[in-house]
């Protein structure tokens, strides 16, 4: 299997896994439940963009740690009004 095809397969797995991980948020988070079609499309596009970036980062370093360091700060810097952190 050539390198590009393998990268695309990894990208698809990352995107589908990431989307499945976040899917339950649509069942109980008001911000997610109130999304319209355009907002859901934007959300999907942001997941795809993040998947591309994380796949590129992993393929460039061959380490999972940089991917975790990339995604960790987001929940820590999320605005309070998004109501994503417990107890806020």
PDB file of N, CA and C in Angstrom:
ATOM      1  N   UNK A   1       0.851  -1.167   0.000  1.00  0.00           N
ATOM      2  CA  UNK A   1       0.000   0.000   0.000  1.00  0.00           C
ATOM      3  C   UNK A   1       0.902   1.236   0.000  1.00  0.00           C
ATOM      4  N   UNK A   2       0.625   2.154  -0.908  1.00  0.00           N
ATOM      5  CA  UNK A   2       1.479   3.331  -0.967  1.00  0.00           C
ATOM      6  C   UNK A   2       1.223   4.279   0.201  1.00  0.00           C
ATOM      7  N   UNK A   3       2.155   5.184   0.428  1.00  0.00           N
ATOM      8  CA  UNK A   3       2.147   6.063   1.589  1.00  0.00           C
ATOM      9  C   UNK A   3       0.930   6.991   1.614  1.00  0.00           C
ATOM     10  N   UNK A   4       0.532   7.521   0.470  1.00  0.00           N
ATOM     11  CA  UNK A   4      -0.605   8.444   0.406  1.00  0.00           C
ATOM     12  C   UNK A   4      -1.903   7.723   0.751  1.00  0.00           C
ATOM     13  N   UNK A   5      -2.097   6.532   0.188  1.00  0.00           N
ATOM     14  CA  UNK A   5      -3.313   5.771   0.459  1.00  0.00           C
ATOM     15  C   UNK A   5      -3.408   5.400   1.936  1.00  0.00           C
ATOM     16  N   UNK A   6      -2.290   5.020   2.536  1.00  0.00           N
ATOM     17  CA  UNK A   6      -2.262   4.682   3.950  1.00  0.00           C
ATOM     18  C   UNK A   6      -2.601   5.916   4.795  1.00  0.00           C
ATOM     19  N   UNK A   7      -2.088   7.073   4.403  1.00  0.00           N
ATOM     20  CA  UNK A   7      -2.389   8.313   5.106  1.00  0.00           C
ATOM     21  C   UNK A   7      -3.862   8.675   5.041  1.00  0.00           C
ATOM     22  N   UNK A   8      -4.483   8.465   3.893  1.00  0.00           N
ATOM     23  CA  UNK A   8      -5.913   8.758   3.741  1.00  0.00           C
ATOM     24  C   UNK A   8      -6.739   7.817   4.610  1.00  0.00           C
ATOM     25  N   UNK A   9      -6.361   6.557   4.663  1.00  0.00           N
ATOM     26  CA  UNK A   9      -7.088   5.589   5.504  1.00  0.00           C
ATOM     27  C   UNK A   9      -6.984   5.983   6.975  1.00  0.00           C
ATOM     28  N   UNK A  10      -5.787   6.365   7.412  1.00  0.00           N
ATOM     29  CA  UNK A  10      -5.616   6.812   8.797  1.00  0.00           C
ATOM     30  C   UNK A  10      -6.447   8.057   9.054  1.00  0.00           C
ATOM     31  N   UNK A  11      -6.470   8.963   8.101  1.00  0.00           N
ATOM     32  CA  UNK A  11      -7.261  10.193   8.227  1.00  0.00           C
ATOM     33  C   UNK A  11      -8.745   9.883   8.395  1.00  0.00           C
ATOM     34  N   UNK A  12      -9.260   8.969   7.606  1.00  0.00           N
ATOM     35  CA  UNK A  12     -10.672   8.597   7.694  1.00  0.00           C
ATOM     36  C   UNK A  12     -10.977   7.962   9.046  1.00  0.00           C
ATOM     37  N   UNK A  13     -10.104   7.078   9.511  1.00  0.00           N
ATOM     38  CA  UNK A  13     -10.300   6.472  10.835  1.00  0.00           C
ATOM     39  C   UNK A  13     -10.300   7.527  11.934  1.00  0.00           C
ATOM     40  N   UNK A  14      -9.376   8.480  11.848  1.00  0.00           N
ATOM     41  CA  UNK A  14      -9.303   9.542  12.856  1.00  0.00           C
ATOM     42  C   UNK A  14     -10.568  10.387  12.836  1.00  0.00           C
ATOM     43  N   UNK A  15     -11.038  10.739  11.656  1.00  0.00           N
ATOM     44  CA  UNK A  15     -12.236  11.569  11.520  1.00  0.00           C
ATOM     45  C   UNK A  15     -13.471  10.845  12.051  1.00  0.00           C
ATOM     46  N   UNK A  16     -13.662   9.612  11.648  1.00  0.00           N
ATOM     47  CA  UNK A  16     -14.836   8.845  12.083  1.00  0.00           C
ATOM     48  C   UNK A  16     -14.783   8.600  13.594  1.00  0.00           C
ATOM     49  N   UNK A  17     -13.613   8.261  14.104  1.00  0.00           N
ATOM     50  CA  UNK A  17     -13.474   8.044  15.540  1.00  0.00           C
ATOM     51  C   UNK A  17     -13.727   9.306  16.340  1.00  0.00           C
ATOM     52  N   UNK A  18     -13.206  10.422  15.866  1.00  0.00           N
ATOM     53  CA  UNK A  18     -13.389  11.696  16.553  1.00  0.00           C
ATOM     54  C   UNK A  18     -14.850  12.126  16.519  1.00  0.00           C
ATOM     55  N   UNK A  19     -15.499  11.940  15.385  1.00  0.00           N
ATOM     56  CA  UNK A  19     -16.920  12.285  15.271  1.00  0.00           C
ATOM     57  C   UNK A  19     -17.766  11.395  16.188  1.00  0.00           C
ATOM     58  N   UNK A  20     -17.473  10.103  16.213  1.00  0.00           N
ATOM     59  CA  UNK A  20     -18.228   9.185  17.077  1.00  0.00           C
ATOM     60  C   UNK A  20     -18.029   9.539  18.548  1.00  0.00           C
ATOM     61  N   UNK A  21     -16.829   9.950  18.912  1.00  0.00           N
ATOM     62  CA  UNK A  21     -16.534  10.332  20.288  1.00  0.00           C
ATOM     63  C   UNK A  21     -17.382  11.530  20.718  1.00  0.00           C
ATOM     64  N   UNK A  22     -17.593  12.488  19.816  1.00  0.00           N
ATOM     65  CA  UNK A  22     -18.327  13.703  20.137  1.00  0.00           C
ATOM     66  C   UNK A  22     -19.830  13.600  19.891  1.00  0.00           C
ATOM     67  N   UNK A  23     -20.276  12.587  19.201  1.00  0.00           N
ATOM     68  CA  UNK A  23     -21.692  12.448  18.844  1.00  0.00           C
ATOM     69  C   UNK A  23     -22.646  12.489  20.041  1.00  0.00           C
ATOM     70  N   UNK A  24     -22.329  11.874  21.180  1.00  0.00           N
ATOM     71  CA  UNK A  24     -23.254  11.942  22.320  1.00  0.00           C
ATOM     72  C   UNK A  24     -23.535  13.366  22.813  1.00  0.00           C
ATOM     73  N   UNK A  25     -22.652  14.309  22.513  1.00  0.00           N
ATOM     74  CA  UNK A  25     -22.887  15.689  22.933  1.00  0.00           C
ATOM     75  C   UNK A  25     -24.182  16.246  22.331  1.00  0.00           C
ATOM     76  N   UNK A  26     -24.570  15.733  21.194  1.00  0.00           N
ATOM     77  CA  UNK A  26     -25.800  16.209  20.543  1.00  0.00           C
ATOM     78  C   UNK A  26     -27.049  15.752  21.290  1.00  0.00           C
ATOM     79  N   UNK A  27     -26.903  14.844  22.237  1.00  0.00           N
ATOM     80  CA  UNK A  27     -28.056  14.331  22.978  1.00  0.00           C
ATOM     81  C   UNK A  27     -28.339  15.105  24.259  1.00  0.00           C
ATOM     82  N   UNK A  28     -27.344  15.838  24.785  1.00  0.00           N
ATOM     83  CA  UNK A  28     -27.599  16.492  26.067  1.00  0.00           C
ATOM     84  C   UNK A  28     -27.020  17.904  26.210  1.00  0.00           C
ATOM     85  N   UNK A  29     -26.146  18.345  25.362  1.00  0.00           N
ATOM     86  CA  UNK A  29     -25.592  19.692  25.470  1.00  0.00           C
ATOM     87  C   UNK A  29     -26.454  20.673  24.685  1.00  0.00           C
ATOM     88  N   UNK A  30     -26.995  21.698  25.360  1.00  0.00           N
ATOM     89  CA  UNK A  30     -27.876  22.649  24.675  1.00  0.00           C
ATOM     90  C   UNK A  30     -27.236  23.295  23.448  1.00  0.00           C
ATOM     91  N   UNK A  31     -25.950  23.627  23.535  1.00  0.00           N
ATOM     92  CA  UNK A  31     -25.283  24.255  22.394  1.00  0.00           C
ATOM     93  C   UNK A  31     -25.231  23.357  21.174  1.00  0.00           C
ATOM     94  N   UNK A  32     -25.075  22.074  21.401  1.00  0.00           N
ATOM     95  CA  UNK A  32     -25.038  21.122  20.292  1.00  0.00           C
ATOM     96  C   UNK A  32     -26.447  20.801  19.800  1.00  0.00           C
ATOM     97  N   UNK A  33     -27.368  20.663  20.744  1.00  0.00           N
ATOM     98  CA  UNK A  33     -28.746  20.317  20.373  1.00  0.00           C
ATOM     99  C   UNK A  33     -29.412  21.417  19.558  1.00  0.00           C
ATOM    100  N   UNK A  34     -28.985  22.659  19.754  1.00  0.00           N
ATOM    101  CA  UNK A  34     -29.585  23.778  19.055  1.00  0.00           C
ATOM    102  C   UNK A  34     -28.933  24.107  17.722  1.00  0.00           C
ATOM    103  N   UNK A  35     -27.976  23.307  17.292  1.00  0.00           N
ATOM    104  CA  UNK A  35     -27.293  23.590  16.028  1.00  0.00           C
ATOM    105  C   UNK A  35     -28.206  23.366  14.833  1.00  0.00           C
ATOM    106  N   UNK A  36     -28.084  24.257  13.862  1.00  0.00           N
ATOM    107  CA  UNK A  36     -28.785  24.089  12.596  1.00  0.00           C
ATOM    108  C   UNK A  36     -27.906  23.318  11.620  1.00  0.00           C
ATOM    109  N   UNK A  37     -28.411  23.136  10.425  1.00  0.00           N
ATOM    110  CA  UNK A  37     -27.676  22.377   9.401  1.00  0.00           C
ATOM    111  C   UNK A  37     -26.329  23.029   9.096  1.00  0.00           C
ATOM    112  N   UNK A  38     -26.308  24.351   8.952  1.00  0.00           N
ATOM    113  CA  UNK A  38     -25.066  25.051   8.647  1.00  0.00           C
ATOM    114  C   UNK A  38     -24.038  24.905   9.746  1.00  0.00           C
ATOM    115  N   UNK A  39     -24.489  24.968  10.984  1.00  0.00           N
ATOM    116  CA  UNK A  39     -23.573  24.822  12.116  1.00  0.00           C
ATOM    117  C   UNK A  39     -23.048  23.397  12.218  1.00  0.00           C
ATOM    118  N   UNK A  40     -23.892  22.435  11.958  1.00  0.00           N
ATOM    119  CA  UNK A  40     -23.442  21.036  11.970  1.00  0.00           C
ATOM    120  C   UNK A  40     -22.428  20.804  10.856  1.00  0.00           C
ATOM    121  N   UNK A  41     -22.672  21.392   9.690  1.00  0.00           N
ATOM    122  CA  UNK A  41     -21.712  21.279   8.591  1.00  0.00           C
ATOM    123  C   UNK A  41     -20.375  21.900   8.990  1.00  0.00           C
ATOM    124  N   UNK A  42     -20.407  23.054   9.647  1.00  0.00           N
ATOM    125  CA  UNK A  42     -19.181  23.690  10.119  1.00  0.00           C
ATOM    126  C   UNK A  42     -18.471  22.844  11.155  1.00  0.00           C
ATOM    127  N   UNK A  43     -19.231  22.202  12.034  1.00  0.00           N
ATOM    128  CA  UNK A  43     -18.665  21.320  13.051  1.00  0.00           C
ATOM    129  C   UNK A  43     -17.965  20.137  12.392  1.00  0.00           C
ATOM    130  N   UNK A  44     -18.623  19.541  11.404  1.00  0.00           N
ATOM    131  CA  UNK A  44     -18.029  18.416  10.674  1.00  0.00           C
ATOM    132  C   UNK A  44     -16.767  18.866   9.945  1.00  0.00           C
ATOM    133  N   UNK A  45     -16.816  20.040   9.343  1.00  0.00           N
ATOM    134  CA  UNK A  45     -15.650  20.577   8.642  1.00  0.00           C
ATOM    135  C   UNK A  45     -14.490  20.819   9.615  1.00  0.00           C
ATOM    136  N   UNK A  46     -14.798  21.305  10.816  1.00  0.00           N
ATOM    137  CA  UNK A  46     -13.729  21.513  11.797  1.00  0.00           C
ATOM    138  C   UNK A  46     -13.139  20.186  12.260  1.00  0.00           C
ATOM    139  N   UNK A  47     -13.955  19.157  12.417  1.00  0.00           N
ATOM    140  CA  UNK A  47     -13.430  17.834  12.770  1.00  0.00           C
ATOM    141  C   UNK A  47     -12.535  17.290  11.656  1.00  0.00           C
ATOM    142  N   UNK A  48     -12.959  17.485  10.423  1.00  0.00           N
ATOM    143  CA  UNK A  48     -12.159  17.018   9.291  1.00  0.00           C
ATOM    144  C   UNK A  48     -10.829  17.761   9.241  1.00  0.00           C
ATOM    145  N   UNK A  49     -10.866  19.076   9.458  1.00  0.00           N
ATOM    146  CA  UNK A  49      -9.637  19.869   9.470  1.00  0.00           C
ATOM    147  C   UNK A  49      -8.715  19.421  10.597  1.00  0.00           C
ATOM    148  N   UNK A  50      -9.277  19.209  11.783  1.00  0.00           N
ATOM    149  CA  UNK A  50      -8.475  18.722  12.902  1.00  0.00           C
ATOM    150  C   UNK A  50      -7.895  17.344  12.630  1.00  0.00           C
ATOM    151  N   UNK A  51      -8.662  16.487  11.982  1.00  0.00           N
ATOM    152  CA  UNK A  51      -8.179  15.147  11.643  1.00  0.00           C
ATOM    153  C   UNK A  51      -7.020  15.217  10.658  1.00  0.00           C
ATOM    154  N   UNK A  52      -7.123  16.111   9.686  1.00  0.00           N
ATOM    155  CA  UNK A  52      -6.028  16.289   8.716  1.00  0.00           C
ATOM    156  C   UNK A  52      -4.777  16.758   9.444  1.00  0.00           C
ATOM    157  N   UNK A  53      -4.940  17.749  10.321  1.00  0.00           N
ATOM    158  CA  UNK A  53      -3.797  18.286  11.053  1.00  0.00           C
ATOM    159  C   UNK A  53      -3.161  17.245  11.970  1.00  0.00           C
ATOM    160  N   UNK A  54      -3.979  16.508  12.708  1.00  0.00           N
ATOM    161  CA  UNK A  54      -3.436  15.492  13.616  1.00  0.00           C
ATOM    162  C   UNK A  54      -2.798  14.334  12.859  1.00  0.00           C
ATOM    163  N   UNK A  55      -3.374  13.945  11.723  1.00  0.00           N
ATOM    164  CA  UNK A  55      -2.777  12.886  10.914  1.00  0.00           C
ATOM    165  C   UNK A  55      -1.428  13.335  10.379  1.00  0.00           C
ATOM    166  N   UNK A  56      -1.362  14.567   9.889  1.00  0.00           N
ATOM    167  CA  UNK A  56      -0.091  15.105   9.405  1.00  0.00           C
ATOM    168  C   UNK A  56       0.935  15.163  10.531  1.00  0.00           C
ATOM    169  N   UNK A  57       0.514  15.615  11.717  1.00  0.00           N
ATOM    170  CA  UNK A  57       1.412  15.714  12.859  1.00  0.00           C
ATOM    171  C   UNK A  57       1.930  14.335  13.265  1.00  0.00           C
ATOM    172  N   UNK A  58       1.053  13.364  13.317  1.00  0.00           N
ATOM    173  CA  UNK A  58       1.475  12.004  13.674  1.00  0.00           C
ATOM    174  C   UNK A  58       2.422  11.430  12.620  1.00  0.00           C
ATOM    175  N   UNK A  59       2.073  11.596  11.349  1.00  0.00           N
ATOM    176  CA  UNK A  59       2.920  11.050  10.286  1.00  0.00           C
ATOM    177  C   UNK A  59       4.283  11.740  10.242  1.00  0.00           C
ATOM    178  N   UNK A  60       4.340  13.012  10.639  1.00  0.00           N
ATOM    179  CA  UNK A  60       5.604  13.741  10.634  1.00  0.00           C
ATOM    180  C   UNK A  60       6.506  13.348  11.790  1.00  0.00           C
ATOM    181  N   UNK A  61       5.916  13.029  12.942  1.00  0.00           N
ATOM    182  CA  UNK A  61       6.713  12.741  14.132  1.00  0.00           C
ATOM    183  C   UNK A  61       6.750  11.265  14.486  1.00  0.00           C
ATOM    184  N   UNK A  62       5.764  10.505  14.055  1.00  0.00           N
ATOM    185  CA  UNK A  62       5.586   9.098  14.413  1.00  0.00           C
ATOM    186  C   UNK A  62       5.412   8.923  15.926  1.00  0.00           C
ATOM    187  N   UNK A  63       4.938   9.978  16.575  1.00  0.00           N
ATOM    188  CA  UNK A  63       4.692   9.946  18.006  1.00  0.00           C
ATOM    189  C   UNK A  63       3.261  10.394  18.279  1.00  0.00           C
ATOM    190  N   UNK A  64       2.610   9.746  19.222  1.00  0.00           N
ATOM    191  CA  UNK A  64       1.247  10.146  19.580  1.00  0.00           C
ATOM    192  C   UNK A  64       1.243  11.315  20.551  1.00  0.00           C
ATOM    193  N   UNK A  65       2.324  11.513  21.298  1.00  0.00           N
ATOM    194  CA  UNK A  65       2.371  12.578  22.307  1.00  0.00           C
ATOM    195  C   UNK A  65       2.121  13.965  21.727  1.00  0.00           C
ATOM    196  N   UNK A  66       2.722  14.344  20.589  1.00  0.00           N
ATOM    197  CA  UNK A  66       2.425  15.677  20.049  1.00  0.00           C
ATOM    198  C   UNK A  66       0.949  15.856  19.690  1.00  0.00           C
ATOM    199  N   UNK A  67       0.300  14.792  19.277  1.00  0.00           N
ATOM    200  CA  UNK A  67      -1.129  14.881  18.960  1.00  0.00           C
ATOM    201  C   UNK A  67      -1.927  15.169  20.227  1.00  0.00           C
ATOM    202  N   UNK A  68      -1.575  14.515  21.315  1.00  0.00           N
ATOM    203  CA  UNK A  68      -2.247  14.777  22.582  1.00  0.00           C
ATOM    204  C   UNK A  68      -1.976  16.177  23.082  1.00  0.00           C
ATOM    205  N   UNK A  69      -0.743  16.646  22.920  1.00  0.00           N
ATOM    206  CA  UNK A  69      -0.403  18.002  23.357  1.00  0.00           C
ATOM    207  C   UNK A  69      -1.136  19.039  22.522  1.00  0.00           C
ATOM    208  N   UNK A  70      -1.409  18.728  21.255  1.00  0.00           N
ATOM    209  CA  UNK A  70      -2.140  19.653  20.394  1.00  0.00           C
ATOM    210  C   UNK A  70      -3.598  19.769  20.832  1.00  0.00           C
ATOM    211  N   UNK A  71      -4.210  18.662  21.182  1.00  0.00           N
ATOM    212  CA  UNK A  71      -5.638  18.678  21.491  1.00  0.00           C
ATOM    213  C   UNK A  71      -5.938  18.963  22.962  1.00  0.00           C
ATOM    214  N   UNK A  72      -4.978  18.839  23.866  1.00  0.00           N
ATOM    215  CA  UNK A  72      -5.224  19.058  25.281  1.00  0.00           C
ATOM    216  C   UNK A  72      -5.593  20.493  25.639  1.00  0.00           C
ATOM    217  N   UNK A  73      -4.912  21.521  25.121  1.00  0.00           N
ATOM    218  CA  UNK A  73      -5.228  22.886  25.573  1.00  0.00           C
ATOM    219  C   UNK A  73      -6.636  23.352  25.244  1.00  0.00           C
ATOM    220  N   UNK A  74      -7.300  22.788  24.249  1.00  0.00           N
ATOM    221  CA  UNK A  74      -8.616  23.290  23.853  1.00  0.00           C
ATOM    222  C   UNK A  74      -9.630  23.285  24.987  1.00  0.00           C
ATOM    223  N   UNK A  75      -9.839  22.161  25.682  1.00  0.00           N
ATOM    224  CA  UNK A  75     -10.823  22.204  26.772  1.00  0.00           C
ATOM    225  C   UNK A  75     -10.413  23.132  27.909  1.00  0.00           C
ATOM    226  N   UNK A  76      -9.127  23.363  28.057  1.00  0.00           N
ATOM    227  CA  UNK A  76      -8.657  24.223  29.135  1.00  0.00           C
ATOM    228  C   UNK A  76      -8.842  25.704  28.813  1.00  0.00           C
ATOM    229  N   UNK A  77      -8.993  26.031  27.529  1.00  0.00           N
ATOM    230  CA  UNK A  77      -9.143  27.430  27.127  1.00  0.00           C
ATOM    231  C   UNK A  77     -10.515  27.732  26.553  1.00  0.00           C
ATOM    232  N   UNK A  78     -11.425  26.777  26.620  1.00  0.00           N
ATOM    233  CA  UNK A  78     -12.762  26.954  26.080  1.00  0.00           C
ATOM    234  C   UNK A  78     -13.512  28.005  26.903  1.00  0.00           C
ATOM    235  N   UNK A  79     -14.169  28.949  26.248  1.00  0.00           N
ATOM    236  CA  UNK A  79     -14.910  29.974  26.994  1.00  0.00           C
ATOM    237  C   UNK A  79     -15.986  29.369  27.894  1.00  0.00           C
ATOM    238  N   UNK A  80     -16.182  30.006  29.024  1.00  0.00           N
ATOM    239  CA  UNK A  80     -17.153  29.526  30.008  1.00  0.00           C
ATOM    240  C   UNK A  80     -18.562  29.444  29.416  1.00  0.00           C
ATOM    241  N   UNK A  81     -18.917  30.373  28.530  1.00  0.00           N
ATOM    242  CA  UNK A  81     -20.280  30.388  27.994  1.00  0.00           C
ATOM    243  C   UNK A  81     -20.566  29.183  27.094  1.00  0.00           C
ATOM    244  N   UNK A  82     -19.541  28.471  26.659  1.00  0.00           N
ATOM    245  CA  UNK A  82     -19.782  27.268  25.873  1.00  0.00           C
ATOM    246  C   UNK A  82     -20.299  26.148  26.747  1.00  0.00           C
ATOM    247  N   UNK A  83     -20.122  26.271  28.057  1.00  0.00           N
ATOM    248  CA  UNK A  83     -20.657  25.316  29.021  1.00  0.00           C
ATOM    249  C   UNK A  83     -20.189  23.890  28.732  1.00  0.00           C
ATOM    250  N   UNK A  84     -18.896  23.743  28.484  1.00  0.00           N
ATOM    251  CA  UNK A  84     -18.364  22.421  28.147  1.00  0.00           C
ATOM    252  C   UNK A  84     -17.643  21.764  29.319  1.00  0.00           C
ATOM    253  N   UNK A  85     -17.210  22.543  30.293  1.00  0.00           N
ATOM    254  CA  UNK A  85     -16.470  21.969  31.411  1.00  0.00           C
ATOM    255  C   UNK A  85     -17.408  21.677  32.562  1.00  0.00           C
ATOM    256  N   UNK A  86     -17.187  20.576  33.260  1.00  0.00           N
ATOM    257  CA  UNK A  86     -18.070  20.243  34.388  1.00  0.00           C
ATOM    258  C   UNK A  86     -17.982  21.312  35.479  1.00  0.00           C
ATOM    259  N   UNK A  87     -19.083  21.586  36.108  1.00  0.00           N
ATOM    260  CA  UNK A  87     -19.119  22.506  37.224  1.00  0.00           C
ATOM    261  C   UNK A  87     -19.112  23.965  36.845  1.00  0.00           C
ATOM    262  N   UNK A  88     -19.310  24.283  35.590  1.00  0.00           N
ATOM    263  CA  UNK A  88     -19.307  25.688  35.154  1.00  0.00           C
ATOM    264  C   UNK A  88     -20.624  26.056  34.545  1.00  0.00           C
TER     265      UNK A  88
END
